[in-house]
Protein backbone atom coordinates (compact mmCIF):
# COMPACT_ATOMS: atom_id res chain seq x y z
CA MET A 1 12.02 -0.57 -6.77
CA GLU A 2 15.92 -1.04 -6.37
CA ILE A 3 17.59 -3.93 -6.39
CA TYR A 4 20.97 -4.71 -4.15
CA THR A 5 23.28 -7.46 -3.59
CA TYR A 6 23.33 -9.03 -0.27
CA SER A 7 27.22 -7.16 0.37
CA GLU A 8 25.67 -3.83 -1.35
CA ALA A 9 22.75 -3.69 1.49
CA ARG A 10 24.95 -4.54 4.58
CA GLN A 11 27.87 -2.25 3.76
CA ASN A 12 25.10 0.56 2.88
CA LEU A 13 22.08 -0.41 5.30
CA LYS A 14 21.48 2.85 6.62
CA SER A 15 21.49 4.72 3.05
CA VAL A 16 19.38 1.90 1.95
CA MET A 17 16.60 2.13 4.46
CA ASP A 18 16.99 6.15 4.13
CA LYS A 19 15.83 5.67 0.21
CA VAL A 20 13.18 3.08 1.35
CA GLU A 21 11.73 5.45 3.80
CA SER A 22 11.70 8.88 1.51
CA ASN A 23 11.14 7.22 -1.83
CA CYS A 24 8.26 5.13 -0.20
CA GLU A 25 9.11 2.34 -2.68
CA GLU A 26 10.77 -1.23 -1.78
CA ALA A 27 14.15 -2.28 -1.97
CA LEU A 28 14.99 -6.00 -3.49
CA ILE A 29 18.01 -7.75 -1.68
CA HIS A 30 19.10 -10.31 -4.06
CA ARG A 31 21.07 -13.49 -2.38
CA ARG A 32 22.71 -15.65 -3.36
CA ASP A 33 21.88 -18.83 -1.61
CA GLY A 34 19.01 -18.20 -0.70
CA GLU A 35 15.42 -16.69 -1.68
CA ASN A 36 15.47 -12.91 -2.06
CA MET A 37 14.20 -10.47 -0.13
CA VAL A 38 12.32 -7.19 0.05
CA LEU A 39 12.72 -4.10 2.45
CA MET A 40 9.86 -1.76 3.39
CA SER A 41 9.19 0.91 5.81
CA GLU A 42 6.63 -0.60 8.39
CA SER A 43 3.54 1.72 7.24
CA GLN A 44 3.98 0.36 3.90
CA TYR A 45 3.87 -3.16 5.38
CA ASN A 46 1.00 -1.86 7.57
CA GLY A 47 -0.75 -1.15 4.63
CA TRP A 48 -0.08 -3.95 2.68
CA VAL A 49 -1.57 -5.93 5.36
CA GLU A 50 -4.77 -4.50 5.70
CA THR A 51 -5.09 -4.53 2.29
CA MET A 52 -4.81 -8.42 2.41
CA ARG A 53 -7.15 -8.34 5.31
CA ILE A 54 -9.59 -6.20 3.65
CA TYR A 55 -9.35 -8.59 0.14
CA SER A 56 -9.53 -11.60 1.64
CA ASN A 57 -13.28 -10.98 3.27
CA PRO A 58 -15.65 -11.83 0.05
CA ALA A 59 -18.09 -9.31 1.55
CA GLN A 60 -15.30 -6.02 1.44
CA ARG A 61 -14.12 -7.28 -1.74
CA LYS A 62 -17.21 -7.37 -3.37
CA HIS A 63 -18.55 -4.05 -1.90
CA ILE A 64 -15.35 -2.31 -2.65
CA GLU A 65 -15.73 -3.59 -6.79
CA GLU A 66 -19.18 -2.44 -7.17
CA SER A 67 -17.79 0.57 -5.75
CA ILE A 68 -15.38 1.23 -8.21
CA GLU A 69 -17.72 -0.01 -11.33
CA GLN A 70 -19.98 2.43 -9.56
CA PHE A 71 -17.44 5.23 -9.71
CA LYS A 72 -16.25 4.21 -13.54
CA SER A 73 -20.05 4.26 -14.67
CA GLY A 74 -20.50 7.72 -13.20
CA ASP A 75 -23.37 6.68 -10.60
CA VAL A 76 -22.25 8.80 -7.87
CA SER A 77 -22.81 11.54 -5.88
CA VAL A 78 -21.13 14.59 -5.21
CA PHE A 79 -21.82 16.55 -1.41
CA SER A 80 -20.40 19.74 -0.44
CA LEU A 81 -18.73 19.75 3.40
CA GLU A 82 -22.15 21.16 4.44
CA GLU A 83 -24.16 18.72 3.22
CA LEU A 84 -22.19 15.90 4.48
CA GLU A 85 -22.37 17.39 7.97
CA ARG A 86 -26.02 17.98 7.67
CA LEU A 87 -26.72 14.37 6.98
CA SER A 88 -24.60 13.22 9.28
CA ASN A 89 -26.46 14.66 11.86
CA ASP A 90 -30.12 13.71 10.41
């Protein structure tokens, strides 16, 4: 994450926004007399909002955590594309 003073961000706003977009990374804007701000792309923001929405639902969160544990323990099944298509048609 790049850090800018308010003045740097204001003077170079287009450049800062281009870096945020091309690096898929946030920029921290330090303010002397107020809370710091974070600049991120809209698509990145939407991803964060969706993640928070999913993880705020206890049932969805539990399902995700169980799925991660199954993957880590090797309790997974591997299918070819043809097998998946066949399963979805059944």
